[in-house]
Amino acid sequence: IIANKDEKFYVNFISKEGKKELLKEL
């Protein structure tokens, strides 16, 4: 995608059980 504004993106790992873990913030 081409970002249409300045913002933060997050890379999350979501397990099969639905647990979310933040891996990286951009």
PDB file of all heavy atoms in Angstrom:
ATOM      1  N   ILE A   1       0.857  -1.191   0.000  1.00  0.00           N
ATOM      2  CA  ILE A   1       0.000   0.000   0.000  1.00  0.00           C
ATOM      3  C   ILE A   1       0.892   1.240   0.000  1.00  0.00           C
ATOM      4  O   ILE A   1       2.069   1.170   0.361  1.00  0.00           O
ATOM      5  CB  ILE A   1      -0.947   0.062   1.221  1.00  0.00           C
ATOM      6  CG1 ILE A   1      -0.119   0.212   2.522  1.00  0.00           C
ATOM      7  CG2 ILE A   1      -1.884  -1.110   1.278  1.00  0.00           C
ATOM      8  CD1 ILE A   1      -0.927   0.794   3.658  1.00  0.00           C
ATOM      9  N   ILE A   2       0.328   2.367  -0.400  1.00  0.00           N
ATOM     10  CA  ILE A   2       1.024   3.651  -0.282  1.00  0.00           C
ATOM     11  C   ILE A   2       0.333   4.403   0.845  1.00  0.00           C
ATOM     12  O   ILE A   2      -0.882   4.651   0.793  1.00  0.00           O
ATOM     13  CB  ILE A   2       0.951   4.453  -1.598  1.00  0.00           C
ATOM     14  CG1 ILE A   2       1.643   3.687  -2.728  1.00  0.00           C
ATOM     15  CG2 ILE A   2       1.620   5.828  -1.417  1.00  0.00           C
ATOM     16  CD1 ILE A   2       1.500   4.323  -4.092  1.00  0.00           C
ATOM     17  N   ALA A   3       1.095   4.723   1.896  1.00  0.00           N
ATOM     18  CA  ALA A   3       0.517   5.406   3.059  1.00  0.00           C
ATOM     19  C   ALA A   3       0.003   6.791   2.655  1.00  0.00           C
ATOM     20  O   ALA A   3       0.708   7.545   1.982  1.00  0.00           O
ATOM     21  CB  ALA A   3       1.560   5.542   4.158  1.00  0.00           C
ATOM     22  N   ASN A   4      -1.244   7.099   3.049  1.00  0.00           N
ATOM     23  CA  ASN A   4      -1.818   8.398   2.665  1.00  0.00           C
ATOM     24  C   ASN A   4      -1.658   9.446   3.764  1.00  0.00           C
ATOM     25  O   ASN A   4      -2.135  10.569   3.639  1.00  0.00           O
ATOM     26  CB  ASN A   4      -3.292   8.251   2.274  1.00  0.00           C
ATOM     27  CG  ASN A   4      -4.098   7.553   3.360  1.00  0.00           C
ATOM     28  OD1 ASN A   4      -3.687   7.517   4.517  1.00  0.00           O
ATOM     29  ND2 ASN A   4      -5.221   6.987   2.971  1.00  0.00           N
ATOM     30  N   LYS A   5      -0.979   9.084   4.857  1.00  0.00           N
ATOM     31  CA  LYS A   5      -0.693  10.052   5.931  1.00  0.00           C
ATOM     32  C   LYS A   5       0.429   9.509   6.814  1.00  0.00           C
ATOM     33  O   LYS A   5       0.785   8.327   6.734  1.00  0.00           O
ATOM     34  CB  LYS A   5      -1.945  10.305   6.762  1.00  0.00           C
ATOM     35  CG  LYS A   5      -2.482   9.052   7.467  1.00  0.00           C
ATOM     36  CD  LYS A   5      -3.710   9.377   8.299  1.00  0.00           C
ATOM     37  CE  LYS A   5      -4.228   8.098   8.984  1.00  0.00           C
ATOM     38  NZ  LYS A   5      -5.385   8.359   9.853  1.00  0.00           N
ATOM     39  N   ASP A   6       1.010  10.370   7.649  1.00  0.00           N
ATOM     40  CA  ASP A   6       2.017   9.932   8.616  1.00  0.00           C
ATOM     41  C   ASP A   6       1.304   9.138   9.701  1.00  0.00           C
ATOM     42  O   ASP A   6       0.337   9.622  10.299  1.00  0.00           O
ATOM     43  CB  ASP A   6       2.720  11.136   9.268  1.00  0.00           C
ATOM     44  CG  ASP A   6       3.552  11.919   8.270  1.00  0.00           C
ATOM     45  OD1 ASP A   6       3.683  11.442   7.121  1.00  0.00           O
ATOM     46  OD2 ASP A   6       4.073  12.984   8.625  1.00  0.00           O
ATOM     47  N   GLU A   7       1.760   7.925   9.940  1.00  0.00           N
ATOM     48  CA  GLU A   7       1.130   7.123  10.994  1.00  0.00           C
ATOM     49  C   GLU A   7       2.039   5.987  11.442  1.00  0.00           C
ATOM     50  O   GLU A   7       3.114   5.771  10.880  1.00  0.00           O
ATOM     51  CB  GLU A   7      -0.211   6.564  10.517  1.00  0.00           C
ATOM     52  CG  GLU A   7      -0.124   5.704   9.262  1.00  0.00           C
ATOM     53  CD  GLU A   7      -1.501   5.236   8.798  1.00  0.00           C
ATOM     54  OE1 GLU A   7      -2.324   4.897   9.657  1.00  0.00           O
ATOM     55  OE2 GLU A   7      -1.745   5.221   7.579  1.00  0.00           O
ATOM     56  N   LYS A   8       1.607   5.259  12.451  1.00  0.00           N
ATOM     57  CA  LYS A   8       2.387   4.123  12.959  1.00  0.00           C
ATOM     58  C   LYS A   8       1.763   2.822  12.466  1.00  0.00           C
ATOM     59  O   LYS A   8       0.543   2.694  12.411  1.00  0.00           O
ATOM     60  CB  LYS A   8       2.433   4.143  14.483  1.00  0.00           C
ATOM     61  CG  LYS A   8       3.289   5.266  15.056  1.00  0.00           C
ATOM     62  CD  LYS A   8       3.554   5.053  16.527  1.00  0.00           C
ATOM     63  CE  LYS A   8       4.347   6.206  17.117  1.00  0.00           C
ATOM     64  NZ  LYS A   8       5.683   6.320  16.544  1.00  0.00           N
ATOM     65  N   PHE A   9       2.626   1.887  12.080  1.00  0.00           N
ATOM     66  CA  PHE A   9       2.184   0.553  11.678  1.00  0.00           C
ATOM     67  C   PHE A   9       2.718  -0.446  12.704  1.00  0.00           C
ATOM     68  O   PHE A   9       3.795  -0.238  13.264  1.00  0.00           O
ATOM     69  CB  PHE A   9       2.734   0.200  10.288  1.00  0.00           C
ATOM     70  CG  PHE A   9       1.933   0.780   9.162  1.00  0.00           C
ATOM     71  CD1 PHE A   9       1.686   2.134   9.081  1.00  0.00           C
ATOM     72  CD2 PHE A   9       1.431  -0.040   8.151  1.00  0.00           C
ATOM     73  CE1 PHE A   9       0.960   2.686   8.035  1.00  0.00           C
ATOM     74  CE2 PHE A   9       0.699   0.500   7.098  1.00  0.00           C
ATOM     75  CZ  PHE A   9       0.469   1.857   7.039  1.00  0.00           C
ATOM     76  N   TYR A  10       1.964  -1.504  12.924  1.00  0.00           N
ATOM     77  CA  TYR A  10       2.370  -2.490  13.927  1.00  0.00           C
ATOM     78  C   TYR A  10       2.430  -3.884  13.309  1.00  0.00           C
ATOM     79  O   TYR A  10       1.526  -4.272  12.554  1.00  0.00           O
ATOM     80  CB  TYR A  10       1.386  -2.494  15.104  1.00  0.00           C
ATOM     81  CG  TYR A  10       1.263  -1.133  15.765  1.00  0.00           C
ATOM     82  CD1 TYR A  10       0.255  -0.243  15.381  1.00  0.00           C
ATOM     83  CD2 TYR A  10       2.163  -0.740  16.752  1.00  0.00           C
ATOM     84  CE1 TYR A  10       0.145   1.013  15.965  1.00  0.00           C
ATOM     85  CE2 TYR A  10       2.067   0.514  17.350  1.00  0.00           C
ATOM     86  CZ  TYR A  10       1.057   1.383  16.954  1.00  0.00           C
ATOM     87  OH  TYR A  10       0.967   2.624  17.524  1.00  0.00           O
ATOM     88  N   VAL A  11       3.495  -4.600  13.627  1.00  0.00           N
ATOM     89  CA  VAL A  11       3.619  -5.996  13.193  1.00  0.00           C
ATOM     90  C   VAL A  11       3.285  -6.849  14.409  1.00  0.00           C
ATOM     91  O   VAL A  11       3.997  -6.827  15.420  1.00  0.00           O
ATOM     92  CB  VAL A  11       5.051  -6.315  12.704  1.00  0.00           C
ATOM     93  CG1 VAL A  11       5.136  -7.768  12.254  1.00  0.00           C
ATOM     94  CG2 VAL A  11       5.454  -5.383  11.568  1.00  0.00           C
ATOM     95  N   ASN A  12       2.183  -7.588  14.331  1.00  0.00           N
ATOM     96  CA  ASN A  12       1.737  -8.409  15.458  1.00  0.00           C
ATOM     97  C   ASN A  12       1.776  -9.898  15.116  1.00  0.00           C
ATOM     98  O   ASN A  12       1.542 -10.282  13.967  1.00  0.00           O
ATOM     99  CB  ASN A  12       0.301  -8.050  15.844  1.00  0.00           C
ATOM    100  CG  ASN A  12       0.184  -6.657  16.421  1.00  0.00           C
ATOM    101  OD1 ASN A  12       0.910  -6.312  17.347  1.00  0.00           O
ATOM    102  ND2 ASN A  12      -0.717  -5.850  15.875  1.00  0.00           N
ATOM    103  N   PHE A  13       2.081 -10.694  16.113  1.00  0.00           N
ATOM    104  CA  PHE A  13       1.947 -12.141  15.959  1.00  0.00           C
ATOM    105  C   PHE A  13       0.687 -12.556  16.704  1.00  0.00           C
ATOM    106  O   PHE A  13       0.535 -12.267  17.897  1.00  0.00           O
ATOM    107  CB  PHE A  13       3.149 -12.882  16.544  1.00  0.00           C
ATOM    108  CG  PHE A  13       2.957 -14.379  16.570  1.00  0.00           C
ATOM    109  CD1 PHE A  13       3.034 -15.120  15.389  1.00  0.00           C
ATOM    110  CD2 PHE A  13       2.666 -15.052  17.747  1.00  0.00           C
ATOM    111  CE1 PHE A  13       2.826 -16.490  15.394  1.00  0.00           C
ATOM    112  CE2 PHE A  13       2.464 -16.426  17.754  1.00  0.00           C
ATOM    113  CZ  PHE A  13       2.548 -17.141  16.574  1.00  0.00           C
ATOM    114  N   ILE A  14      -0.217 -13.209  15.988  1.00  0.00           N
ATOM    115  CA  ILE A  14      -1.465 -13.652  16.610  1.00  0.00           C
ATOM    116  C   ILE A  14      -1.490 -15.175  16.597  1.00  0.00           C
ATOM    117  O   ILE A  14      -1.460 -15.799  15.540  1.00  0.00           O
ATOM    118  CB  ILE A  14      -2.688 -13.077  15.871  1.00  0.00           C
ATOM    119  CG1 ILE A  14      -2.613 -11.543  15.868  1.00  0.00           C
ATOM    120  CG2 ILE A  14      -3.979 -13.547  16.530  1.00  0.00           C
ATOM    121  CD1 ILE A  14      -3.623 -10.867  14.974  1.00  0.00           C
ATOM    122  N   SER A  15      -1.497 -15.772  17.776  1.00  0.00           N
ATOM    123  CA  SER A  15      -1.474 -17.232  17.895  1.00  0.00           C
ATOM    124  C   SER A  15      -2.826 -17.824  17.498  1.00  0.00           C
ATOM    125  O   SER A  15      -3.815 -17.094  17.333  1.00  0.00           O
ATOM    126  CB  SER A  15      -1.135 -17.637  19.332  1.00  0.00           C
ATOM    127  OG  SER A  15      -2.193 -17.262  20.199  1.00  0.00           O
ATOM    128  N   LYS A  16      -2.859 -19.153  17.383  1.00  0.00           N
ATOM    129  CA  LYS A  16      -4.113 -19.835  17.026  1.00  0.00           C
ATOM    130  C   LYS A  16      -5.179 -19.609  18.094  1.00  0.00           C
ATOM    131  O   LYS A  16      -6.366 -19.655  17.828  1.00  0.00           O
ATOM    132  CB  LYS A  16      -3.851 -21.333  16.846  1.00  0.00           C
ATOM    133  CG  LYS A  16      -3.088 -21.653  15.567  1.00  0.00           C
ATOM    134  CD  LYS A  16      -2.864 -23.145  15.417  1.00  0.00           C
ATOM    135  CE  LYS A  16      -2.130 -23.451  14.112  1.00  0.00           C
ATOM    136  NZ  LYS A  16      -1.845 -24.889  13.958  1.00  0.00           N
ATOM    137  N   GLU A  17      -4.687 -19.377  19.326  1.00  0.00           N
ATOM    138  CA  GLU A  17      -5.624 -19.144  20.432  1.00  0.00           C
ATOM    139  C   GLU A  17      -6.118 -17.691  20.449  1.00  0.00           C
ATOM    140  O   GLU A  17      -6.944 -17.313  21.285  1.00  0.00           O
ATOM    141  CB  GLU A  17      -4.959 -19.467  21.779  1.00  0.00           C
ATOM    142  CG  GLU A  17      -4.575 -20.933  21.968  1.00  0.00           C
ATOM    143  CD  GLU A  17      -3.328 -21.321  21.190  1.00  0.00           C
ATOM    144  OE1 GLU A  17      -2.457 -20.448  21.004  1.00  0.00           O
ATOM    145  OE2 GLU A  17      -3.243 -22.482  20.757  1.00  0.00           O
ATOM    146  N   GLY A  18      -5.575 -16.861  19.541  1.00  0.00           N
ATOM    147  CA  GLY A  18      -6.000 -15.466  19.466  1.00  0.00           C
ATOM    148  C   GLY A  18      -5.179 -14.503  20.297  1.00  0.00           C
ATOM    149  O   GLY A  18      -5.485 -13.310  20.384  1.00  0.00           O
ATOM    150  N   LYS A  19      -4.087 -15.004  20.907  1.00  0.00           N
ATOM    151  CA  LYS A  19      -3.230 -14.138  21.725  1.00  0.00           C
ATOM    152  C   LYS A  19      -2.362 -13.274  20.814  1.00  0.00           C
ATOM    153  O   LYS A  19      -1.731 -13.765  19.890  1.00  0.00           O
ATOM    154  CB  LYS A  19      -2.334 -15.010  22.626  1.00  0.00           C
ATOM    155  CG  LYS A  19      -1.527 -14.202  23.626  1.00  0.00           C
ATOM    156  CD  LYS A  19      -0.646 -15.129  24.470  1.00  0.00           C
ATOM    157  CE  LYS A  19       0.264 -14.307  25.377  1.00  0.00           C
ATOM    158  NZ  LYS A  19       1.199 -15.172  26.122  1.00  0.00           N
ATOM    159  N   LYS A  20      -2.358 -11.954  21.082  1.00  0.00           N
ATOM    160  CA  LYS A  20      -1.617 -11.013  20.231  1.00  0.00           C
ATOM    161  C   LYS A  20      -0.313 -10.584  20.911  1.00  0.00           C
ATOM    162  O   LYS A  20      -0.293 -10.262  22.098  1.00  0.00           O
ATOM    163  CB  LYS A  20      -2.472  -9.788  19.929  1.00  0.00           C
ATOM    164  CG  LYS A  20      -1.834  -8.810  18.937  1.00  0.00           C
ATOM    165  CD  LYS A  20      -2.594  -7.498  18.831  1.00  0.00           C
ATOM    166  CE  LYS A  20      -3.868  -7.619  18.043  1.00  0.00           C
ATOM    167  NZ  LYS A  20      -4.492  -6.291  17.777  1.00  0.00           N
ATOM    168  N   GLU A  21       0.783 -10.577  20.120  1.00  0.00           N
ATOM    169  CA  GLU A  21       2.085 -10.147  20.639  1.00  0.00           C
ATOM    170  C   GLU A  21       2.707  -9.149  19.653  1.00  0.00           C
ATOM    171  O   GLU A  21       2.840  -9.439  18.464  1.00  0.00           O
ATOM    172  CB  GLU A  21       3.024 -11.352  20.804  1.00  0.00           C
ATOM    173  CG  GLU A  21       4.393 -10.985  21.350  1.00  0.00           C
ATOM    174  CD  GLU A  21       5.362 -12.165  21.314  1.00  0.00           C
ATOM    175  OE1 GLU A  21       4.925 -13.311  21.044  1.00  0.00           O
ATOM    176  OE2 GLU A  21       6.568 -11.927  21.531  1.00  0.00           O
ATOM    177  N   LEU A  22       3.050  -7.968  20.141  1.00  0.00           N
ATOM    178  CA  LEU A  22       3.652  -6.941  19.293  1.00  0.00           C
ATOM    179  C   LEU A  22       5.102  -7.294  19.002  1.00  0.00           C
ATOM    180  O   LEU A  22       5.910  -7.474  19.907  1.00  0.00           O
ATOM    181  CB  LEU A  22       3.574  -5.570  19.982  1.00  0.00           C
ATOM    182  CG  LEU A  22       4.227  -4.398  19.231  1.00  0.00           C
ATOM    183  CD1 LEU A  22       3.499  -4.125  17.926  1.00  0.00           C
ATOM    184  CD2 LEU A  22       4.252  -3.141  20.093  1.00  0.00           C
ATOM    185  N   LEU A  23       5.451  -7.399  17.720  1.00  0.00           N
ATOM    186  CA  LEU A  23       6.818  -7.733  17.319  1.00  0.00           C
ATOM    187  C   LEU A  23       7.608  -6.496  16.908  1.00  0.00           C
ATOM    188  O   LEU A  23       8.797  -6.399  17.175  1.00  0.00           O
ATOM    189  CB  LEU A  23       6.795  -8.731  16.147  1.00  0.00           C
ATOM    190  CG  LEU A  23       6.118 -10.075  16.388  1.00  0.00           C
ATOM    191  CD1 LEU A  23       6.164 -10.912  15.128  1.00  0.00           C
ATOM    192  CD2 LEU A  23       6.778 -10.831  17.537  1.00  0.00           C
ATOM    193  N   LYS A  24       6.946  -5.564  16.254  1.00  0.00           N
ATOM    194  CA  LYS A  24       7.652  -4.378  15.764  1.00  0.00           C
ATOM    195  C   LYS A  24       6.687  -3.219  15.554  1.00  0.00           C
ATOM    196  O   LYS A  24       5.531  -3.423  15.168  1.00  0.00           O
ATOM    197  CB  LYS A  24       8.351  -4.714  14.437  1.00  0.00           C
ATOM    198  CG  LYS A  24       9.490  -3.771  14.074  1.00  0.00           C
ATOM    199  CD  LYS A  24      10.222  -4.297  12.851  1.00  0.00           C
ATOM    200  CE  LYS A  24      11.420  -3.459  12.497  1.00  0.00           C
ATOM    201  NZ  LYS A  24      12.538  -3.571  13.432  1.00  0.00           N
ATOM    202  N   GLU A  25       7.198  -2.018  15.817  1.00  0.00           N
ATOM    203  CA  GLU A  25       6.422  -0.799  15.582  1.00  0.00           C
ATOM    204  C   GLU A  25       7.161   0.039  14.551  1.00  0.00           C
ATOM    205  O   GLU A  25       8.372   0.246  14.660  1.00  0.00           O
ATOM    206  CB  GLU A  25       6.277  -0.016  16.889  1.00  0.00           C
ATOM    207  CG  GLU A  25       5.438   1.239  16.759  1.00  0.00           C
ATOM    208  CD  GLU A  25       5.333   2.008  18.066  1.00  0.00           C
ATOM    209  OE1 GLU A  25       4.969   1.386  19.102  1.00  0.00           O
ATOM    210  OE2 GLU A  25       5.629   3.204  18.056  1.00  0.00           O
ATOM    211  N   LEU A  26       6.474   0.486  13.511  1.00  0.00           N
ATOM    212  CA  LEU A  26       7.106   1.241  12.435  1.00  0.00           C
ATOM    213  C   LEU A  26       6.477   2.624  12.295  1.00  0.00           C
ATOM    214  O   LEU A  26       5.252   2.755  12.320  1.00  0.00           O
ATOM    215  CB  LEU A  26       6.951   0.498  11.100  1.00  0.00           C
ATOM    216  CG  LEU A  26       7.479  -0.936  11.034  1.00  0.00           C
ATOM    217  CD1 LEU A  26       6.944  -1.626   9.796  1.00  0.00           C
ATOM    218  CD2 LEU A  26       8.995  -0.944  11.029  1.00  0.00           C
TER     219      LEU A  26
END
